[in-house]
Protein backbone atom coordinates (compact mmCIF):
# COMPACT_ATOMS: atom_id res chain seq x y z
CA UNK A 1 151.59 -9.08 220.56
CA UNK A 2 150.58 -12.39 219.04
CA UNK A 3 147.20 -12.84 220.44
CA UNK A 4 146.74 -9.21 219.35
CA UNK A 5 147.46 -10.23 214.93
CA UNK A 6 145.44 -12.94 215.41
CA UNK A 7 142.43 -11.43 216.49
CA UNK A 8 142.79 -8.64 214.10
CA UNK A 9 142.99 -10.96 211.23
CA UNK A 10 140.62 -13.42 212.72
CA UNK A 11 137.89 -10.29 212.66
CA UNK A 12 138.83 -9.22 209.03
CA UNK A 13 137.90 -12.61 208.11
CA UNK A 14 135.11 -13.36 209.73
CA UNK A 15 133.96 -9.55 208.07
CA UNK A 16 134.87 -10.97 204.87
CA UNK A 17 132.55 -14.36 205.41
CA UNK A 18 129.74 -11.94 206.13
CA UNK A 19 130.45 -9.73 202.95
CA UNK A 20 130.21 -12.60 201.04
CA UNK A 21 127.28 -14.57 202.66
CA UNK A 22 125.13 -10.97 202.34
CA UNK A 23 126.18 -10.60 198.68
CA UNK A 24 124.64 -14.52 198.41
CA UNK A 25 121.53 -13.31 200.19
CA UNK A 26 120.92 -10.62 197.38
CA UNK A 27 119.38 -12.11 194.71
CA UNK A 28 117.61 -10.39 191.84
CA UNK A 29 114.42 -10.46 191.49
CA UNK A 30 112.72 -13.08 189.15
CA UNK A 31 109.60 -12.90 190.17
CA UNK A 32 109.16 -9.86 188.71
CA UNK A 33 105.46 -9.40 188.27
CA UNK A 34 105.53 -9.54 184.25
CA UNK A 35 102.29 -8.82 183.66
CA UNK A 36 102.45 -4.37 183.82
CA UNK A 37 102.44 -2.65 181.08
CA UNK A 38 104.85 0.36 181.05
CA UNK A 39 103.80 3.20 179.57
CA UNK A 40 105.86 4.49 175.70
CA UNK A 41 104.67 7.58 174.72
CA UNK A 42 106.77 7.47 171.73
CA UNK A 43 104.99 4.18 170.02
CA UNK A 44 101.17 4.62 169.41
CA UNK A 45 100.30 1.42 170.30
CA UNK A 46 102.38 0.65 174.02
CA UNK A 47 101.05 3.81 174.65
CA UNK A 48 97.07 3.17 173.95
CA UNK A 49 97.84 -0.33 175.48
CA UNK A 50 98.90 1.55 178.42
CA UNK A 51 96.07 3.75 178.95
CA UNK A 52 93.81 0.90 178.60
CA UNK A 53 95.48 -1.10 181.48
CA UNK A 54 95.41 2.38 183.36
CA UNK A 55 91.57 2.23 182.76
CA UNK A 56 90.58 -1.32 183.82
CA UNK A 57 94.19 -2.64 185.28
CA UNK A 58 93.89 -5.28 182.08
CA UNK A 59 97.26 -6.20 180.05
CA UNK A 60 97.06 -5.63 176.47
CA UNK A 61 99.28 -7.78 174.33
CA UNK A 62 100.62 -8.28 170.85
CA UNK A 63 102.88 -10.40 171.26
CA UNK A 64 102.99 -13.49 173.53
CA UNK A 65 106.73 -12.61 174.52
CA UNK A 66 106.29 -9.67 176.86
CA UNK A 67 109.30 -9.16 178.76
CA UNK A 68 112.79 -10.62 179.04
CA UNK A 69 115.26 -11.16 182.13
CA UNK A 70 119.45 -11.06 181.84
CA UNK A 71 119.49 -14.28 184.66
CA UNK A 72 122.25 -16.47 185.65
CA UNK A 73 121.65 -20.54 186.06
CA UNK A 74 123.27 -21.94 188.76
CA UNK A 75 126.10 -22.98 187.53
CA UNK A 76 126.64 -19.31 187.08
CA UNK A 77 126.13 -19.12 183.55
CA UNK A 78 124.27 -16.01 182.09
CA UNK A 79 121.46 -16.29 180.19
CA UNK A 80 118.64 -14.50 178.46
CA UNK A 81 114.90 -15.22 180.04
CA UNK A 82 111.69 -14.60 178.34
CA UNK A 83 108.46 -14.06 179.89
CA UNK A 84 105.59 -16.27 177.15
CA UNK A 85 102.03 -15.74 178.41
CA UNK A 86 100.64 -19.71 179.15
CA UNK A 87 97.68 -20.12 177.12
CA UNK A 88 97.69 -23.85 177.01
CA UNK A 89 95.83 -24.13 179.16
CA UNK A 90 92.99 -23.29 181.60
CA UNK A 91 93.45 -23.07 185.79
CA UNK A 92 92.71 -26.31 187.07
CA UNK A 93 90.98 -27.93 188.96
CA UNK A 94 87.21 -26.22 187.24
CA UNK A 95 86.81 -28.83 184.83
CA UNK A 96 87.31 -32.97 183.80
CA UNK A 97 87.95 -33.73 180.61
CA UNK A 98 91.14 -33.35 178.51
CA UNK A 99 90.86 -29.04 178.56
CA UNK A 100 91.20 -27.60 175.60
CA UNK A 101 95.12 -25.95 173.73
CA UNK A 102 95.23 -23.20 171.51
CA UNK A 103 96.48 -25.30 168.02
CA UNK A 104 97.81 -21.83 166.20
CA UNK A 105 97.68 -18.54 166.14
CA UNK A 106 99.10 -15.40 163.71
CA UNK A 107 100.40 -11.93 165.47
CA UNK A 108 98.51 -8.99 164.22
CA UNK A 109 99.76 -5.82 163.51
CA UNK A 110 100.18 -2.64 165.69
CA UNK A 111 97.43 -1.17 162.71
CA UNK A 112 94.77 -3.70 164.08
CA UNK A 113 94.85 -3.32 168.53
CA UNK A 114 93.05 0.69 168.24
CA UNK A 115 89.85 -1.53 166.72
CA UNK A 116 90.06 -4.31 169.23
CA UNK A 117 90.75 -1.30 171.95
CA UNK A 118 87.84 0.27 170.94
CA UNK A 119 85.66 -3.05 170.95
CA UNK A 120 86.61 -4.13 173.52
CA UNK A 121 85.33 -0.42 175.99
CA UNK A 122 82.09 -0.37 173.69
CA UNK A 123 81.04 -4.54 174.27
CA UNK A 124 83.26 -6.14 176.76
CA UNK A 125 84.16 -3.92 179.62
CA UNK A 126 80.60 -2.08 180.44
CA UNK A 127 79.88 -5.46 180.63
CA UNK A 128 81.81 -7.43 183.48
CA UNK A 129 80.56 -8.17 186.47
CA UNK A 130 82.85 -6.25 189.43
CA UNK A 131 85.01 -9.31 190.87
CA UNK A 132 86.21 -10.63 187.78
CA UNK A 133 89.63 -10.88 187.00
CA UNK A 134 91.38 -10.56 183.85
CA UNK A 135 95.01 -12.13 184.18
CA UNK A 136 95.93 -10.87 180.41
CA UNK A 137 94.26 -10.18 176.34
CA UNK A 138 96.21 -11.13 173.45
CA UNK A 139 94.64 -9.65 170.72
CA UNK A 140 96.08 -12.28 167.38
CA UNK A 141 95.33 -12.22 164.05
CA UNK A 142 93.97 -16.08 163.19
CA UNK A 143 93.36 -18.39 166.11
CA UNK A 144 92.15 -22.29 165.68
CA UNK A 145 91.46 -24.09 169.18
CA UNK A 146 90.56 -26.66 169.68
CA UNK A 147 87.22 -26.51 171.01
CA UNK A 148 86.41 -22.79 170.58
CA UNK A 149 87.15 -21.81 166.73
CA UNK A 150 88.93 -18.30 166.08
CA UNK A 151 86.84 -15.83 168.19
CA UNK A 152 88.77 -16.20 171.92
CA UNK A 153 89.97 -19.11 174.00
CA UNK A 154 90.87 -18.79 178.06
CA UNK A 155 94.22 -19.25 178.40
CA UNK A 156 96.47 -19.97 182.30
CA UNK A 157 97.18 -15.73 182.18
CA UNK A 158 95.80 -14.16 179.13
CA UNK A 159 92.40 -14.39 177.22
CA UNK A 160 93.77 -14.81 173.48
CA UNK A 161 90.66 -13.86 171.52
CA UNK A 162 91.64 -13.37 167.58
CA UNK A 163 89.90 -12.32 164.70
CA UNK A 164 91.41 -8.83 165.36
CA UNK A 165 91.79 -7.43 161.75
CA UNK A 166 88.54 -8.47 160.74
CA UNK A 167 86.68 -6.47 163.90
CA UNK A 168 86.08 -2.77 161.61
CA UNK A 169 83.56 -5.12 158.10
CA UNK A 170 82.29 -7.32 161.19
CA UNK A 171 78.02 -7.11 160.45
CA UNK A 172 76.25 -7.35 163.57
CA UNK A 173 75.64 -11.22 163.51
CA UNK A 174 79.53 -11.83 163.42
CA UNK A 175 79.69 -8.84 166.39
CA UNK A 176 77.29 -10.24 168.63
CA UNK A 177 79.28 -14.09 168.14
CA UNK A 178 82.15 -12.30 168.76
CA UNK A 179 80.88 -10.33 171.94
CA UNK A 180 79.81 -14.16 172.36
CA UNK A 181 82.54 -15.86 172.61
CA UNK A 182 85.08 -13.08 174.43
CA UNK A 183 82.88 -13.06 177.24
CA UNK A 184 82.25 -16.74 177.51
CA UNK A 185 86.72 -16.92 178.08
CA UNK A 186 86.19 -14.32 180.40
CA UNK A 187 82.87 -15.47 182.47
CA UNK A 188 84.13 -19.19 182.72
CA UNK A 189 85.78 -19.73 186.45
CA UNK A 190 83.63 -17.36 187.43
CA UNK A 191 80.16 -18.87 186.56
CA UNK A 192 81.87 -22.29 187.81
CA UNK A 193 83.14 -20.93 190.73
CA UNK A 194 81.60 -22.36 194.22
CA UNK A 195 78.99 -20.02 194.39
CA UNK A 196 76.91 -21.23 192.17
CA UNK A 197 77.40 -25.27 192.60
CA UNK A 198 74.16 -25.93 193.72
CA UNK A 199 72.16 -24.29 190.57
CA UNK A 200 75.01 -26.00 188.12
CA UNK A 201 74.17 -29.41 189.55
CA UNK A 202 70.52 -28.74 188.63
CA UNK A 203 71.66 -27.37 185.27
CA UNK A 204 73.86 -30.58 184.59
CA UNK A 205 71.05 -32.85 185.91
CA UNK A 206 68.24 -31.37 183.82
CA UNK A 207 70.58 -33.48 180.77
CA UNK A 208 72.15 -36.20 183.60
CA UNK A 209 68.34 -37.19 184.68
CA UNK A 210 67.58 -38.88 180.74
CA UNK A 211 70.40 -41.23 181.30
CA UNK A 212 70.62 -43.53 184.19
CA UNK A 213 73.25 -45.76 183.62
CA UNK A 214 75.72 -43.82 183.34
CA UNK A 215 76.88 -40.23 182.95
CA UNK A 216 75.17 -38.55 180.01
CA UNK A 217 78.49 -36.38 178.94
CA UNK A 218 81.03 -38.12 176.95
CA UNK A 219 78.17 -40.27 175.16
CA UNK A 220 78.66 -41.49 171.75
CA UNK A 221 75.74 -40.22 169.97
CA UNK A 222 74.64 -43.16 167.96
CA UNK A 223 74.18 -44.43 171.55
CA UNK A 224 71.89 -42.12 173.32
CA UNK A 225 68.06 -43.93 171.45
CA UNK A 226 69.02 -47.22 173.91
CA UNK A 227 70.03 -44.96 177.08
CA UNK A 228 67.77 -42.70 177.31
CA UNK A 229 64.33 -42.65 178.81
CA UNK A 230 61.93 -39.76 180.47
CA UNK A 231 61.85 -38.04 176.75
CA UNK A 232 57.91 -37.99 175.61
CA UNK A 233 56.44 -40.59 173.51
CA UNK A 234 57.65 -39.82 169.93
CA UNK A 235 60.41 -37.65 171.01
CA UNK A 236 63.85 -39.06 169.35
CA UNK A 237 66.77 -39.44 171.42
CA UNK A 238 69.20 -36.67 170.27
CA UNK A 239 71.47 -33.65 172.97
CA UNK A 240 69.55 -31.41 171.65
CA UNK A 241 66.77 -33.21 173.05
CA UNK A 242 68.19 -34.12 176.31
CA UNK A 243 69.12 -30.20 177.10
CA UNK A 244 72.73 -30.38 175.20
CA UNK A 245 72.77 -27.47 172.11
CA UNK A 246 74.25 -29.88 170.36
CA UNK A 247 77.94 -32.05 169.95
CA UNK A 248 81.58 -31.52 172.03
CA UNK A 249 82.77 -29.39 169.42
CA UNK A 250 86.27 -31.23 169.42
CA UNK A 251 84.67 -34.37 168.72
CA UNK A 252 81.20 -34.46 167.01
CA UNK A 253 80.85 -37.91 167.23
CA UNK A 254 79.75 -37.35 171.49
CA UNK A 255 77.84 -35.37 173.84
CA UNK A 256 79.51 -32.72 175.25
CA UNK A 257 82.78 -34.45 176.78
CA UNK A 258 82.50 -33.06 180.25
CA UNK A 259 79.59 -30.51 182.17
CA UNK A 260 82.52 -27.09 181.94
CA UNK A 261 81.97 -27.81 178.07
CA UNK A 262 78.65 -28.00 178.68
CA UNK A 263 78.91 -24.51 180.45
CA UNK A 264 80.90 -22.60 177.52
CA UNK A 265 78.53 -23.99 175.05
CA UNK A 266 75.38 -21.99 177.57
CA UNK A 267 77.39 -19.10 178.03
CA UNK A 268 78.71 -18.01 174.66
CA UNK A 269 75.44 -19.01 173.26
CA UNK A 270 73.41 -17.11 175.58
CA UNK A 271 76.04 -14.40 176.16
CA UNK A 272 76.16 -13.87 171.85
CA UNK A 273 72.29 -14.13 171.44
CA UNK A 274 69.57 -11.83 173.38
CA UNK A 275 67.18 -13.82 174.95
CA UNK A 276 64.40 -13.88 172.34
CA UNK A 277 67.24 -14.55 169.24
CA UNK A 278 67.86 -17.76 171.95
CA UNK A 279 64.16 -18.24 172.25
CA UNK A 280 63.88 -18.67 168.17
CA UNK A 281 66.65 -20.73 168.19
CA UNK A 282 66.14 -23.27 170.65
CA UNK A 283 62.42 -22.06 172.19
CA UNK A 284 61.08 -25.48 170.74
CA UNK A 285 63.75 -27.71 173.07
CA UNK A 286 61.76 -27.63 176.61
CA UNK A 287 65.11 -29.32 177.51
CA UNK A 288 67.31 -26.60 176.41
CA UNK A 289 65.01 -23.75 177.94
CA UNK A 290 65.63 -25.17 181.25
CA UNK A 291 69.19 -25.01 180.90
CA UNK A 292 69.17 -21.86 179.84
CA UNK A 293 67.91 -20.18 182.43
CA UNK A 294 69.39 -21.63 185.02
CA UNK A 295 72.24 -20.10 183.12
CA UNK A 296 70.54 -17.09 182.53
CA UNK A 297 70.01 -16.78 186.79
CA UNK A 298 74.26 -17.22 187.62
CA UNK A 299 74.67 -14.37 185.10
CA UNK A 300 72.22 -11.97 186.53
CA UNK A 301 72.77 -12.99 190.25
CA UNK A 302 76.82 -12.01 188.57
CA UNK A 303 75.45 -8.30 187.38
CA UNK A 304 75.45 -9.14 183.40
CA UNK A 305 73.05 -7.46 181.79
CA UNK A 306 71.28 -9.63 179.56
CA UNK A 307 69.29 -8.83 176.32
């Protein structure tokens, strides 16, 4: 009898332990996909963003805090977790040197969102090639970014688009520059992929060939006169003469600090101007036009329509 009782007790203890073990292995969904827009028919802005998401697969936000979740820490304490878009750096492995950062931004209002959605539908989405992944878009009012100004910045899991309240009043020239900045942010990673490494090497070497004693990227402007060789007689050793659109946006004492920045500058200029406009700006600079044609070749191969 005692053996029977002991066996029953052991079975009950084993069952209880098994239940506790099963409970401990069931975890909340802490790894949920946050970049999904849920519909709210009672909120016109959220509903419009949801329709855009259904059309394009791109989540649109007007706040960088995109969700929250009740969680429990390792000590058993409950707390509220907030999912915040990461815009402090770009995807790794694509650039050398310190990556640019968003220095500051301010939120736009819900009333500003419809004009931005219309602009994206009309000017941006039709230009994007298939296969280019846009994790999300954050619409803001003012944007101050290291290197990329006030219009667009590519972060880790979002593209920050600034000046949203100004969209309805933009003139043609401003609208074109705005488009170029946004497309640059959207397409940078695709252009810098391994697929185009051979063409990009030609792009980089179009400037590097003029400085053989060191890398031409990140050179002080005043050093160019003593470092540059191979220019035609009488041509001053300027950043433009050796194929750069200008100096580094973060520090104008230098040539572009990295190949990544050089590509970004060309992308924004090529996508924000027609070919005729680009030639009007830089047509007398042979080395700039050589590099422009390499960028144009990549964009054409990607299926980006150029004017």
